[in-house]
Amino acid sequence: MSRIVSTNPLGTQASLGVFGDGVEFESISRHLGMRPSHSHRKGDPGMTSSPYPDDMWLLESPHPRTESLDVHLKWLRQTLSPHYDFLRTLMVKHGVRIYCGITVEGDACGFVIPFEALRIFVELGINMSLGFVFMGYSDLEPHLPVGPVHEPR
């Protein structure tokens, strides 16, 4: 059976999360000038039967999930770059992570993230956390054999 590769993710998202014990939600909101998209305290009921293991303040990109990942990352960078010093102070006490989610149809996916969209990771000195959700596949066109993904010209 041949594998199917989709060259276009069905959905993407990116968010900044601050997590750990004693995360000061109001302080973060005040310094960044915005409310979180989501927040929870350690022990609050989670999405599964388990309680959340940490406090978390989360800011999601407001762009639709149909936008490319680089649109979400560029929004985060533009929004957060004036606050990098504050975010670095948070890193001393808490975890700070930028999460990127990609939903694809098929059993594999290829895509390119322009280097400009990756600058936020280097500028803040944090790793990229990337999650994929594979939804199976239907009659997507075109179906391509698995192979290297080439950048658009």
N, C-alpha and C. Protein backbone atom coordinates (compact mmCIF):
# COMPACT_ATOMS: atom_id res chain seq x y z
N MET A 1 0.85 -1.18 0.00
CA MET A 1 0.00 0.00 0.00
C MET A 1 0.89 1.24 0.00
N SER A 2 0.64 2.18 -0.88
CA SER A 2 1.44 3.39 -0.90
C SER A 2 0.93 4.38 0.13
N ARG A 3 1.85 5.19 0.61
CA ARG A 3 1.48 6.21 1.60
C ARG A 3 1.03 7.46 0.87
N ILE A 4 0.20 8.24 1.53
CA ILE A 4 -0.34 9.46 0.95
C ILE A 4 0.24 10.64 1.70
N VAL A 5 0.68 11.66 0.96
CA VAL A 5 1.22 12.87 1.56
C VAL A 5 0.35 14.04 1.15
N SER A 6 -0.09 14.79 2.12
CA SER A 6 -0.78 16.05 1.85
C SER A 6 0.24 17.16 1.94
N THR A 7 0.25 18.05 0.96
CA THR A 7 1.19 19.17 1.02
C THR A 7 0.59 20.37 1.74
N ASN A 8 -0.66 20.27 2.13
CA ASN A 8 -1.30 21.39 2.82
C ASN A 8 -1.95 20.90 4.10
N PRO A 9 -1.48 21.37 5.26
CA PRO A 9 -2.16 21.02 6.50
C PRO A 9 -3.61 21.51 6.48
N LEU A 10 -4.49 20.78 7.14
CA LEU A 10 -5.89 21.20 7.25
C LEU A 10 -6.06 22.35 8.23
N GLY A 11 -5.23 22.36 9.24
CA GLY A 11 -5.35 23.40 10.25
C GLY A 11 -4.04 23.57 11.00
N THR A 12 -3.79 24.79 11.43
CA THR A 12 -2.60 25.09 12.21
C THR A 12 -2.96 26.02 13.35
N GLN A 13 -2.13 26.03 14.36
CA GLN A 13 -2.31 26.95 15.47
C GLN A 13 -0.96 27.17 16.14
N ALA A 14 -0.83 28.26 16.85
CA ALA A 14 0.37 28.53 17.65
C ALA A 14 -0.05 29.31 18.88
N SER A 15 0.61 29.01 19.99
CA SER A 15 0.28 29.68 21.24
C SER A 15 1.52 29.77 22.12
N LEU A 16 1.48 30.74 23.02
CA LEU A 16 2.51 30.90 24.04
C LEU A 16 1.91 30.46 25.36
N GLY A 17 2.62 29.58 26.05
CA GLY A 17 2.16 29.12 27.35
C GLY A 17 3.18 29.40 28.43
N VAL A 18 2.72 29.85 29.57
CA VAL A 18 3.55 30.02 30.77
C VAL A 18 2.97 29.04 31.78
N PHE A 19 3.81 28.13 32.27
CA PHE A 19 3.28 27.09 33.14
C PHE A 19 4.23 26.80 34.30
N GLY A 20 3.68 26.23 35.35
CA GLY A 20 4.45 25.89 36.54
C GLY A 20 3.60 26.09 37.77
N ASP A 21 4.26 26.23 38.92
CA ASP A 21 3.56 26.49 40.18
C ASP A 21 3.56 27.99 40.45
N GLY A 22 2.43 28.50 40.89
CA GLY A 22 2.34 29.90 41.29
C GLY A 22 2.43 30.90 40.14
N VAL A 23 1.95 30.53 38.96
CA VAL A 23 1.95 31.46 37.83
C VAL A 23 1.01 32.62 38.17
N GLU A 24 1.53 33.83 38.07
CA GLU A 24 0.76 35.03 38.43
C GLU A 24 0.01 35.54 37.21
N PHE A 25 -1.22 35.04 37.05
CA PHE A 25 -2.03 35.35 35.87
C PHE A 25 -2.22 36.85 35.66
N GLU A 26 -2.60 37.55 36.71
CA GLU A 26 -2.87 38.98 36.58
C GLU A 26 -1.62 39.77 36.20
N SER A 27 -0.50 39.41 36.75
CA SER A 27 0.76 40.09 36.43
C SER A 27 1.12 39.90 34.96
N ILE A 28 0.98 38.68 34.47
CA ILE A 28 1.29 38.41 33.06
C ILE A 28 0.34 39.20 32.16
N SER A 29 -0.94 39.16 32.47
CA SER A 29 -1.92 39.89 31.66
C SER A 29 -1.63 41.38 31.66
N ARG A 30 -1.28 41.92 32.81
CA ARG A 30 -0.98 43.35 32.92
C ARG A 30 0.27 43.71 32.12
N HIS A 31 1.35 42.95 32.25
CA HIS A 31 2.59 43.26 31.54
C HIS A 31 2.44 43.12 30.03
N LEU A 32 1.68 42.11 29.57
CA LEU A 32 1.51 41.91 28.13
C LEU A 32 0.37 42.75 27.56
N GLY A 33 -0.48 43.27 28.43
CA GLY A 33 -1.59 44.09 27.96
C GLY A 33 -2.69 43.28 27.29
N MET A 34 -2.82 42.03 27.68
CA MET A 34 -3.88 41.20 27.10
C MET A 34 -4.26 40.07 28.05
N ARG A 35 -5.48 39.62 27.91
CA ARG A 35 -5.99 38.52 28.71
C ARG A 35 -5.57 37.20 28.06
N PRO A 36 -5.47 36.14 28.84
CA PRO A 36 -5.14 34.85 28.23
C PRO A 36 -6.30 34.30 27.41
N SER A 37 -5.97 33.48 26.44
CA SER A 37 -7.00 32.74 25.70
C SER A 37 -7.57 31.63 26.59
N HIS A 38 -6.72 31.14 27.47
CA HIS A 38 -7.11 30.09 28.41
C HIS A 38 -6.16 30.17 29.61
N SER A 39 -6.68 29.85 30.77
CA SER A 39 -5.82 29.69 31.95
C SER A 39 -6.45 28.65 32.86
N HIS A 40 -5.62 27.99 33.61
CA HIS A 40 -6.12 27.06 34.62
C HIS A 40 -5.09 26.94 35.74
N ARG A 41 -5.55 26.49 36.87
CA ARG A 41 -4.70 26.26 38.03
C ARG A 41 -4.41 24.77 38.18
N LYS A 42 -3.27 24.50 38.76
CA LYS A 42 -2.88 23.13 39.07
C LYS A 42 -4.01 22.49 39.88
N GLY A 43 -4.38 21.29 39.48
CA GLY A 43 -5.44 20.58 40.19
C GLY A 43 -6.83 20.78 39.61
N ASP A 44 -7.01 21.83 38.78
CA ASP A 44 -8.31 22.01 38.12
C ASP A 44 -8.59 20.79 37.25
N PRO A 45 -9.88 20.46 37.06
CA PRO A 45 -10.19 19.32 36.19
C PRO A 45 -9.68 19.56 34.77
N GLY A 46 -8.96 18.58 34.24
CA GLY A 46 -8.42 18.70 32.89
C GLY A 46 -9.40 18.19 31.85
N MET A 47 -8.95 18.15 30.61
CA MET A 47 -9.80 17.68 29.51
C MET A 47 -10.04 16.18 29.58
N THR A 48 -9.13 15.49 30.25
CA THR A 48 -9.33 14.06 30.49
C THR A 48 -9.76 13.92 31.95
N SER A 49 -9.73 12.75 32.46
CA SER A 49 -10.15 12.56 33.86
C SER A 49 -9.09 13.06 34.85
N SER A 50 -7.88 13.33 34.35
CA SER A 50 -6.80 13.77 35.24
C SER A 50 -6.84 15.28 35.45
N PRO A 51 -6.50 15.73 36.66
CA PRO A 51 -6.40 17.17 36.89
C PRO A 51 -5.13 17.72 36.22
N TYR A 52 -5.15 19.02 35.93
CA TYR A 52 -3.97 19.65 35.34
C TYR A 52 -2.80 19.57 36.32
N PRO A 53 -1.60 19.26 35.81
CA PRO A 53 -0.44 19.12 36.70
C PRO A 53 0.23 20.45 37.07
N ASP A 54 -0.09 21.53 36.34
CA ASP A 54 0.55 22.84 36.55
C ASP A 54 -0.47 23.95 36.35
N ASP A 55 -0.14 25.12 36.89
CA ASP A 55 -0.84 26.34 36.49
C ASP A 55 -0.45 26.63 35.05
N MET A 56 -1.34 27.27 34.28
CA MET A 56 -0.97 27.66 32.92
C MET A 56 -1.74 28.89 32.48
N TRP A 57 -0.99 29.84 31.91
CA TRP A 57 -1.53 31.03 31.25
C TRP A 57 -1.20 30.85 29.78
N LEU A 58 -2.22 30.89 28.90
CA LEU A 58 -2.03 30.57 27.48
C LEU A 58 -2.57 31.68 26.60
N LEU A 59 -1.75 32.08 25.63
CA LEU A 59 -2.16 33.06 24.62
C LEU A 59 -2.11 32.41 23.26
N GLU A 60 -3.26 32.28 22.61
CA GLU A 60 -3.34 31.67 21.28
C GLU A 60 -3.39 32.75 20.21
N SER A 61 -2.84 32.44 19.06
CA SER A 61 -2.97 33.32 17.90
C SER A 61 -4.45 33.46 17.57
N PRO A 62 -4.90 34.68 17.25
CA PRO A 62 -6.31 34.87 16.92
C PRO A 62 -6.66 34.50 15.48
N HIS A 63 -5.65 34.17 14.67
CA HIS A 63 -5.90 33.86 13.27
C HIS A 63 -6.64 32.53 13.14
N PRO A 64 -7.44 32.38 12.11
CA PRO A 64 -8.15 31.11 11.90
C PRO A 64 -7.17 29.97 11.68
N ARG A 65 -7.58 28.78 12.03
CA ARG A 65 -6.71 27.61 11.88
C ARG A 65 -6.45 27.27 10.42
N THR A 66 -7.18 27.88 9.53
CA THR A 66 -6.95 27.66 8.10
C THR A 66 -5.74 28.44 7.58
N GLU A 67 -5.23 29.37 8.38
CA GLU A 67 -4.02 30.12 7.99
C GLU A 67 -2.79 29.22 8.14
N SER A 68 -1.72 29.57 7.45
CA SER A 68 -0.48 28.79 7.56
C SER A 68 0.16 29.01 8.93
N LEU A 69 1.00 28.08 9.33
CA LEU A 69 1.66 28.16 10.63
C LEU A 69 2.50 29.42 10.75
N ASP A 70 3.14 29.84 9.66
CA ASP A 70 3.98 31.04 9.76
C ASP A 70 3.16 32.28 10.06
N VAL A 71 1.90 32.35 9.65
CA VAL A 71 1.04 33.49 9.99
C VAL A 71 0.85 33.56 11.50
N HIS A 72 0.59 32.42 12.13
CA HIS A 72 0.41 32.37 13.58
C HIS A 72 1.69 32.76 14.32
N LEU A 73 2.82 32.21 13.86
CA LEU A 73 4.11 32.50 14.51
C LEU A 73 4.52 33.95 14.35
N LYS A 74 4.28 34.52 13.18
CA LYS A 74 4.61 35.93 12.97
C LYS A 74 3.74 36.82 13.84
N TRP A 75 2.48 36.44 14.05
CA TRP A 75 1.62 37.22 14.94
C TRP A 75 2.16 37.17 16.37
N LEU A 76 2.53 35.98 16.82
CA LEU A 76 3.09 35.87 18.17
C LEU A 76 4.34 36.73 18.32
N ARG A 77 5.23 36.67 17.35
CA ARG A 77 6.46 37.46 17.42
C ARG A 77 6.15 38.96 17.45
N GLN A 78 5.28 39.41 16.55
CA GLN A 78 4.95 40.83 16.51
C GLN A 78 4.30 41.28 17.82
N THR A 79 3.44 40.45 18.37
CA THR A 79 2.73 40.78 19.60
C THR A 79 3.63 40.74 20.82
N LEU A 80 4.53 39.76 20.86
CA LEU A 80 5.32 39.53 22.07
C LEU A 80 6.69 40.18 22.07
N SER A 81 7.23 40.55 20.91
CA SER A 81 8.61 41.08 20.88
C SER A 81 8.83 42.29 21.78
N PRO A 82 7.87 43.20 21.95
CA PRO A 82 8.11 44.29 22.90
C PRO A 82 8.22 43.82 24.35
N HIS A 83 7.85 42.57 24.60
CA HIS A 83 7.78 42.05 25.97
C HIS A 83 8.80 40.92 26.22
N TYR A 84 9.79 40.78 25.34
CA TYR A 84 10.77 39.71 25.49
C TYR A 84 11.48 39.76 26.84
N ASP A 85 11.86 40.94 27.30
CA ASP A 85 12.56 41.02 28.59
C ASP A 85 11.68 40.49 29.71
N PHE A 86 10.42 40.85 29.71
CA PHE A 86 9.49 40.34 30.72
C PHE A 86 9.36 38.82 30.61
N LEU A 87 9.22 38.30 29.39
CA LEU A 87 9.10 36.86 29.21
C LEU A 87 10.35 36.13 29.71
N ARG A 88 11.51 36.74 29.49
CA ARG A 88 12.75 36.13 29.99
C ARG A 88 12.77 36.07 31.52
N THR A 89 12.20 37.08 32.19
CA THR A 89 12.13 37.02 33.65
C THR A 89 11.20 35.90 34.10
N LEU A 90 10.14 35.65 33.32
CA LEU A 90 9.24 34.54 33.65
C LEU A 90 9.96 33.19 33.53
N MET A 91 10.88 33.10 32.58
CA MET A 91 11.60 31.84 32.33
C MET A 91 12.46 31.42 33.52
N VAL A 92 12.82 32.36 34.37
CA VAL A 92 13.63 32.03 35.54
C VAL A 92 12.81 31.18 36.51
N LYS A 93 11.52 31.47 36.62
CA LYS A 93 10.66 30.82 37.59
C LYS A 93 9.70 29.78 36.99
N HIS A 94 9.35 29.95 35.73
CA HIS A 94 8.32 29.12 35.11
C HIS A 94 8.79 28.60 33.75
N GLY A 95 8.05 27.63 33.26
CA GLY A 95 8.27 27.17 31.89
C GLY A 95 7.57 28.12 30.94
N VAL A 96 8.24 28.45 29.86
CA VAL A 96 7.63 29.26 28.80
C VAL A 96 7.82 28.47 27.51
N ARG A 97 6.72 28.23 26.81
CA ARG A 97 6.78 27.40 25.62
C ARG A 97 5.89 27.99 24.53
N ILE A 98 6.37 27.86 23.32
CA ILE A 98 5.53 28.18 22.17
C ILE A 98 5.16 26.85 21.54
N TYR A 99 3.87 26.59 21.51
CA TYR A 99 3.35 25.34 20.97
C TYR A 99 2.81 25.58 19.58
N CYS A 100 3.16 24.71 18.66
CA CYS A 100 2.65 24.76 17.30
C CYS A 100 1.89 23.47 17.04
N GLY A 101 0.66 23.59 16.60
CA GLY A 101 -0.16 22.42 16.30
C GLY A 101 -0.50 22.38 14.83
N ILE A 102 -0.45 21.19 14.27
CA ILE A 102 -0.76 21.01 12.85
C ILE A 102 -1.69 19.81 12.72
N THR A 103 -2.80 20.01 12.04
CA THR A 103 -3.73 18.92 11.75
C THR A 103 -3.63 18.64 10.26
N VAL A 104 -3.41 17.38 9.92
CA VAL A 104 -3.24 17.02 8.51
C VAL A 104 -4.19 15.90 8.14
N GLU A 105 -4.52 15.85 6.88
CA GLU A 105 -5.30 14.74 6.35
C GLU A 105 -4.35 13.89 5.53
N GLY A 106 -4.30 12.62 5.82
CA GLY A 106 -3.37 11.72 5.18
C GLY A 106 -2.54 11.04 6.25
N ASP A 107 -1.58 10.25 5.82
CA ASP A 107 -0.74 9.59 6.81
C ASP A 107 0.63 10.24 6.92
N ALA A 108 0.83 11.34 6.20
CA ALA A 108 2.07 12.11 6.28
C ALA A 108 1.77 13.50 5.73
N CYS A 109 2.64 14.43 6.03
CA CYS A 109 2.43 15.80 5.56
C CYS A 109 3.79 16.46 5.37
N GLY A 110 3.90 17.24 4.34
CA GLY A 110 5.11 18.03 4.13
C GLY A 110 4.74 19.49 4.03
N PHE A 111 5.55 20.35 4.61
CA PHE A 111 5.30 21.79 4.54
C PHE A 111 6.60 22.50 4.85
N VAL A 112 6.62 23.79 4.59
CA VAL A 112 7.80 24.63 4.83
C VAL A 112 7.40 25.74 5.79
N ILE A 113 8.24 26.01 6.77
CA ILE A 113 8.05 27.16 7.65
C ILE A 113 9.16 28.15 7.30
N PRO A 114 8.80 29.33 6.79
CA PRO A 114 9.84 30.32 6.45
C PRO A 114 10.67 30.69 7.67
N PHE A 115 11.95 30.94 7.45
CA PHE A 115 12.86 31.21 8.56
C PHE A 115 12.43 32.43 9.36
N GLU A 116 11.79 33.40 8.73
CA GLU A 116 11.35 34.59 9.47
C GLU A 116 10.38 34.22 10.59
N ALA A 117 9.56 33.20 10.33
CA ALA A 117 8.57 32.78 11.33
C ALA A 117 9.23 32.06 12.51
N LEU A 118 10.45 31.58 12.33
CA LEU A 118 11.14 30.85 13.39
C LEU A 118 11.97 31.75 14.29
N ARG A 119 12.09 33.00 13.95
CA ARG A 119 12.93 33.93 14.74
C ARG A 119 12.52 34.03 16.19
N ILE A 120 11.25 33.93 16.49
CA ILE A 120 10.78 34.07 17.87
C ILE A 120 11.45 33.05 18.78
N PHE A 121 11.70 31.85 18.28
CA PHE A 121 12.33 30.81 19.09
C PHE A 121 13.78 31.17 19.41
N VAL A 122 14.49 31.66 18.42
CA VAL A 122 15.89 32.06 18.61
C VAL A 122 15.97 33.29 19.50
N GLU A 123 15.12 34.27 19.24
CA GLU A 123 15.16 35.53 20.00
C GLU A 123 14.86 35.31 21.48
N LEU A 124 13.95 34.36 21.77
CA LEU A 124 13.62 34.07 23.17
C LEU A 124 14.48 32.95 23.75
N GLY A 125 15.20 32.24 22.88
CA GLY A 125 16.04 31.14 23.37
C GLY A 125 15.23 29.97 23.88
N ILE A 126 14.13 29.66 23.20
CA ILE A 126 13.29 28.53 23.62
C ILE A 126 13.12 27.55 22.47
N ASN A 127 12.82 26.32 22.82
CA ASN A 127 12.61 25.28 21.82
C ASN A 127 11.21 25.38 21.24
N MET A 128 11.08 24.90 20.02
CA MET A 128 9.77 24.81 19.38
C MET A 128 9.13 23.50 19.81
N SER A 129 7.90 23.56 20.27
CA SER A 129 7.13 22.37 20.60
C SER A 129 6.11 22.19 19.49
N LEU A 130 6.16 21.05 18.82
CA LEU A 130 5.34 20.84 17.63
C LEU A 130 4.52 19.57 17.80
N GLY A 131 3.21 19.70 17.59
CA GLY A 131 2.32 18.54 17.68
C GLY A 131 1.58 18.34 16.38
N PHE A 132 1.44 17.10 15.96
CA PHE A 132 0.70 16.75 14.75
C PHE A 132 -0.51 15.92 15.12
N VAL A 133 -1.62 16.17 14.43
CA VAL A 133 -2.80 15.33 14.53
C VAL A 133 -3.08 14.83 13.12
N PHE A 134 -3.00 13.51 12.94
CA PHE A 134 -3.27 12.92 11.64
C PHE A 134 -4.71 12.42 11.62
N MET A 135 -5.48 12.89 10.65
CA MET A 135 -6.91 12.62 10.58
C MET A 135 -7.28 11.51 9.62
N GLY A 136 -6.31 10.76 9.09
CA GLY A 136 -6.62 9.81 8.05
C GLY A 136 -6.69 10.57 6.74
N TYR A 137 -7.31 10.03 5.74
CA TYR A 137 -7.41 10.76 4.50
C TYR A 137 -8.67 10.39 3.74
N SER A 138 -9.05 11.31 2.87
CA SER A 138 -10.22 11.08 2.03
C SER A 138 -9.77 11.26 0.59
N ASP A 139 -10.46 12.00 -0.15
CA ASP A 139 -10.14 12.19 -1.57
C ASP A 139 -9.42 13.49 -1.82
N LEU A 140 -8.43 13.80 -0.98
CA LEU A 140 -7.63 15.00 -1.20
C LEU A 140 -6.92 14.92 -2.54
N GLU A 141 -6.82 16.03 -3.21
CA GLU A 141 -6.04 16.10 -4.46
C GLU A 141 -5.04 17.21 -4.30
N PRO A 142 -3.81 17.11 -4.74
CA PRO A 142 -3.27 15.88 -5.30
C PRO A 142 -2.70 15.00 -4.21
N HIS A 143 -2.73 13.71 -4.41
CA HIS A 143 -2.04 12.76 -3.54
C HIS A 143 -0.65 12.59 -4.10
N LEU A 144 0.33 12.72 -3.28
CA LEU A 144 1.72 12.63 -3.72
C LEU A 144 2.42 11.49 -3.00
N PRO A 145 3.33 10.82 -3.64
CA PRO A 145 4.10 9.81 -2.92
C PRO A 145 5.00 10.47 -1.89
N VAL A 146 5.35 9.73 -0.84
CA VAL A 146 6.23 10.26 0.19
C VAL A 146 7.58 10.57 -0.45
N GLY A 147 8.10 11.72 -0.17
CA GLY A 147 9.40 12.12 -0.69
C GLY A 147 9.76 13.47 -0.12
N PRO A 148 10.87 14.03 -0.55
CA PRO A 148 11.27 15.32 -0.01
C PRO A 148 10.27 16.39 -0.38
N VAL A 149 10.11 17.33 0.52
CA VAL A 149 9.25 18.48 0.27
C VAL A 149 10.11 19.62 -0.23
N HIS A 150 9.74 20.20 -1.33
CA HIS A 150 10.50 21.29 -1.91
C HIS A 150 9.80 22.60 -1.63
N GLU A 151 10.60 23.62 -1.39
CA GLU A 151 10.04 24.95 -1.15
C GLU A 151 9.43 25.49 -2.43
N PRO A 152 8.33 26.26 -2.29
CA PRO A 152 7.77 26.92 -3.46
C PRO A 152 8.76 27.96 -3.98
N ARG A 153 8.77 28.16 -5.25
CA ARG A 153 9.70 29.16 -5.85
C ARG A 153 9.11 30.52 -5.86
